[in-house]
């Protein structure tokens, strides 16, 4: 499973367009629909009353963690879960609505491998991740938890040396990027990518 805020992709199987929880983003899905349709003939979509931002979808191989947030509601999470199940992908929901400073689930946790996550302290011990190896980002470096692995490289925000050292010590090659302008608007690396 791969994603950006507007779409989830299952290479070779299908794609799902999201339904963002912020009204200001409603037109963005239409803007990406044509490009997704060129690549995927099987196209599903979240429908009202469901809302889903793909930033609330943490892909960990054939299992997905779905955040219940102020942008993704239970109806949207249930629609996604049902669609994923038809493609042999299991899912678990993680309610983050009471966690301050987290817009989306992937603001606080991402998967580096099928069984290894990077997480902020508030999520590192969450019961949903009990079967995973969780690398906890140091306090004060929470923004660095939103990193993206592409092949053998982990793209990570600049300015978080303790997190960089932790990831390198865990065997990852890093590509450090200046994300300062995106961070001002709550944007992270996963928001800027649509991978498949």
Protein backbone atom coordinates (compact mmCIF):
# COMPACT_ATOMS: atom_id res chain seq x y z
CA UNK A 1 0.00 0.00 0.00
CA UNK A 2 1.34 3.45 -0.92
CA UNK A 3 -0.27 6.81 -0.33
CA UNK A 4 -0.43 10.57 -0.42
CA UNK A 5 -3.18 12.53 1.34
CA UNK A 6 -5.48 12.13 -1.68
CA UNK A 7 -5.07 8.52 -2.76
CA UNK A 8 -4.05 5.05 -1.62
CA UNK A 9 -2.44 2.74 -4.14
CA UNK A 10 -2.21 -1.03 -4.23
CA UNK A 11 0.18 -1.64 -7.14
CA UNK A 12 -1.24 -4.16 -9.58
CA UNK A 13 -4.57 -4.28 -7.73
CA UNK A 14 -6.31 -0.91 -7.51
CA UNK A 15 -6.48 2.52 -5.97
CA UNK A 16 -8.76 4.40 -3.61
CA UNK A 17 -9.40 8.13 -3.68
CA UNK A 18 -9.76 9.65 -0.25
CA UNK A 19 -12.30 12.18 0.99
CA UNK A 20 -10.35 14.78 2.99
CA UNK A 21 -11.80 15.83 6.31
CA UNK A 22 -11.07 19.54 5.74
CA UNK A 23 -13.62 21.22 3.45
CA UNK A 24 -10.89 23.40 1.98
CA UNK A 25 -9.29 20.30 0.43
CA UNK A 26 -12.40 18.87 -1.27
CA UNK A 27 -11.39 19.92 -4.81
CA UNK A 28 -7.94 18.35 -4.53
CA UNK A 29 -9.27 14.83 -5.11
CA UNK A 30 -10.81 15.85 -8.44
CA UNK A 31 -7.47 17.36 -9.44
CA UNK A 32 -5.66 14.04 -9.01
CA UNK A 33 -8.42 11.72 -10.27
CA UNK A 34 -7.34 11.79 -13.94
CA UNK A 35 -3.72 10.95 -13.17
CA UNK A 36 -4.74 8.03 -10.92
CA UNK A 37 -7.22 6.74 -13.52
CA UNK A 38 -4.43 6.56 -16.12
CA UNK A 39 -2.52 4.12 -13.89
CA UNK A 40 -5.34 2.15 -12.25
CA UNK A 41 -8.46 0.75 -13.89
CA UNK A 42 -9.94 -0.35 -10.56
CA UNK A 43 -10.69 2.85 -8.69
CA UNK A 44 -12.61 3.06 -5.42
CA UNK A 45 -13.44 6.13 -3.34
CA UNK A 46 -14.42 7.06 0.19
CA UNK A 47 -18.01 8.34 0.22
CA UNK A 48 -20.00 10.50 2.65
CA UNK A 49 -20.37 10.48 5.55
CA UNK A 50 -16.89 8.96 5.61
CA UNK A 51 -13.81 11.16 5.62
CA UNK A 52 -10.26 9.96 5.14
CA UNK A 53 -6.91 11.70 4.76
CA UNK A 54 -4.27 9.23 3.64
CA UNK A 55 -1.90 10.90 6.11
CA UNK A 56 -3.85 8.84 8.64
CA UNK A 57 -2.87 5.60 6.91
CA UNK A 58 0.40 4.01 8.02
CA UNK A 59 1.33 1.19 5.64
CA UNK A 60 3.38 -1.63 7.18
CA UNK A 61 3.56 -4.27 4.46
CA UNK A 62 0.30 -6.24 4.31
CA UNK A 63 -1.01 -4.55 7.44
CA UNK A 64 -2.22 -0.97 7.70
CA UNK A 65 -2.75 1.24 10.75
CA UNK A 66 -5.60 3.73 10.24
CA UNK A 67 -5.69 6.82 12.40
CA UNK A 68 -9.00 8.14 13.69
CA UNK A 69 -8.28 11.87 13.76
CA UNK A 70 -9.92 15.23 13.27
CA UNK A 71 -9.57 14.57 9.51
CA UNK A 72 -10.43 10.85 9.31
CA UNK A 73 -13.63 9.58 10.93
CA UNK A 74 -14.68 6.06 11.85
CA UNK A 75 -16.92 5.75 8.76
CA UNK A 76 -14.00 6.55 6.47
CA UNK A 77 -11.72 4.16 8.34
CA UNK A 78 -14.33 1.39 8.06
CA UNK A 79 -14.72 1.94 4.31
CA UNK A 80 -10.96 1.77 3.84
CA UNK A 81 -10.66 -1.30 6.05
CA UNK A 82 -13.34 -3.14 4.06
CA UNK A 83 -11.66 -2.24 0.75
CA UNK A 84 -8.24 -3.32 2.00
CA UNK A 85 -9.66 -6.63 3.24
CA UNK A 86 -10.89 -7.47 -0.28
CA UNK A 87 -7.25 -7.13 -1.38
CA UNK A 88 -5.83 -9.28 1.43
CA UNK A 89 -4.57 -6.40 3.56
CA UNK A 90 -5.45 -6.32 7.27
CA UNK A 91 -5.89 -3.15 9.31
CA UNK A 92 -6.08 -1.74 12.84
CA UNK A 93 -7.47 1.63 13.92
CA UNK A 94 -5.57 4.00 16.22
CA UNK A 95 -7.49 6.88 17.79
CA UNK A 96 -5.26 9.97 17.96
CA UNK A 97 -7.93 12.65 18.51
CA UNK A 98 -6.79 13.31 22.09
CA UNK A 99 -3.07 13.51 21.26
CA UNK A 100 -1.98 17.15 21.01
CA UNK A 101 0.22 18.21 18.13
CA UNK A 102 -0.65 15.30 15.84
CA UNK A 103 -2.61 16.26 12.72
CA UNK A 104 -2.40 12.82 11.09
CA UNK A 105 -1.30 9.40 12.32
CA UNK A 106 1.82 9.61 10.15
CA UNK A 107 2.72 12.84 11.94
CA UNK A 108 3.66 10.50 14.78
CA UNK A 109 4.38 7.05 13.35
CA UNK A 110 5.62 5.59 10.06
CA UNK A 111 6.73 2.15 8.97
CA UNK A 112 10.30 1.62 7.80
CA UNK A 113 9.80 -2.10 7.23
CA UNK A 114 6.91 -4.50 7.66
CA UNK A 115 7.64 -4.97 11.35
CA UNK A 116 9.61 -1.82 12.23
CA UNK A 117 8.14 1.60 12.97
CA UNK A 118 9.48 5.03 13.88
CA UNK A 119 7.24 6.76 16.44
CA UNK A 120 6.98 9.71 18.76
CA UNK A 121 6.88 9.04 22.49
CA UNK A 122 3.09 9.43 22.72
CA UNK A 123 2.61 6.54 20.27
CA UNK A 124 5.68 4.36 20.85
CA UNK A 125 3.98 2.21 23.51
CA UNK A 126 0.50 2.20 21.96
CA UNK A 127 -1.08 -1.26 22.13
CA UNK A 128 -1.75 -1.23 18.36
CA UNK A 129 2.01 -1.43 17.79
CA UNK A 130 2.79 -4.09 20.42
CA UNK A 131 3.93 -6.63 17.80
CA UNK A 132 6.26 -4.17 16.07
CA UNK A 133 9.83 -3.11 16.69
CA UNK A 134 9.39 0.60 17.46
CA UNK A 135 12.23 3.10 17.15
CA UNK A 136 11.26 6.05 19.37
CA UNK A 137 12.35 9.48 18.22
CA UNK A 138 13.93 11.53 21.00
CA UNK A 139 11.86 14.19 22.75
CA UNK A 140 12.07 17.48 20.90
CA UNK A 141 12.57 15.76 17.53
CA UNK A 142 8.97 14.63 16.96
CA UNK A 143 8.77 16.15 13.46
CA UNK A 144 11.47 13.72 12.30
CA UNK A 145 9.14 10.76 12.89
CA UNK A 146 7.45 11.61 9.59
CA UNK A 147 10.09 10.05 7.35
CA UNK A 148 9.71 8.06 4.13
CA UNK A 149 11.60 4.97 3.05
CA UNK A 150 12.10 4.49 -0.69
CA UNK A 151 14.02 1.34 -1.61
CA UNK A 152 17.16 1.40 0.58
CA UNK A 153 17.04 5.10 1.51
CA UNK A 154 15.12 6.83 4.30
CA UNK A 155 14.22 10.43 3.51
CA UNK A 156 14.19 12.42 6.76
CA UNK A 157 13.87 16.08 7.72
CA UNK A 158 17.03 18.07 8.41
CA UNK A 159 17.74 19.43 11.88
CA UNK A 160 17.16 16.31 13.98
CA UNK A 161 20.63 14.87 14.66
CA UNK A 162 19.63 12.41 17.40
CA UNK A 163 16.99 10.83 15.16
CA UNK A 164 19.47 10.71 12.26
CA UNK A 165 21.99 8.94 14.49
CA UNK A 166 19.36 6.46 15.71
CA UNK A 167 18.31 5.60 12.16
CA UNK A 168 21.89 5.23 10.94
CA UNK A 169 22.72 3.02 13.94
CA UNK A 170 19.74 0.84 12.95
CA UNK A 171 21.30 0.29 9.53
CA UNK A 172 19.48 2.84 7.37
CA UNK A 173 20.99 5.10 4.72
CA UNK A 174 19.56 8.60 5.02
CA UNK A 175 18.75 11.39 2.61
CA UNK A 176 18.37 14.49 4.77
CA UNK A 177 16.06 17.16 3.33
CA UNK A 178 15.24 20.73 4.37
CA UNK A 179 11.54 20.63 5.30
CA UNK A 180 11.40 23.92 7.21
CA UNK A 181 8.94 25.67 4.89
CA UNK A 182 6.59 22.67 4.74
CA UNK A 183 6.72 22.25 8.52
CA UNK A 184 5.29 25.76 8.93
CA UNK A 185 2.01 24.49 7.42
CA UNK A 186 2.00 21.05 9.16
CA UNK A 187 3.35 19.43 5.98
CA UNK A 188 5.63 16.42 6.21
CA UNK A 189 7.55 14.16 3.87
CA UNK A 190 4.70 11.66 3.59
CA UNK A 191 2.34 14.51 2.54
CA UNK A 192 4.56 15.24 -0.44
CA UNK A 193 4.82 11.76 -1.88
CA UNK A 194 2.70 9.39 -3.94
CA UNK A 195 4.72 6.21 -4.30
CA UNK A 196 4.11 2.95 -6.15
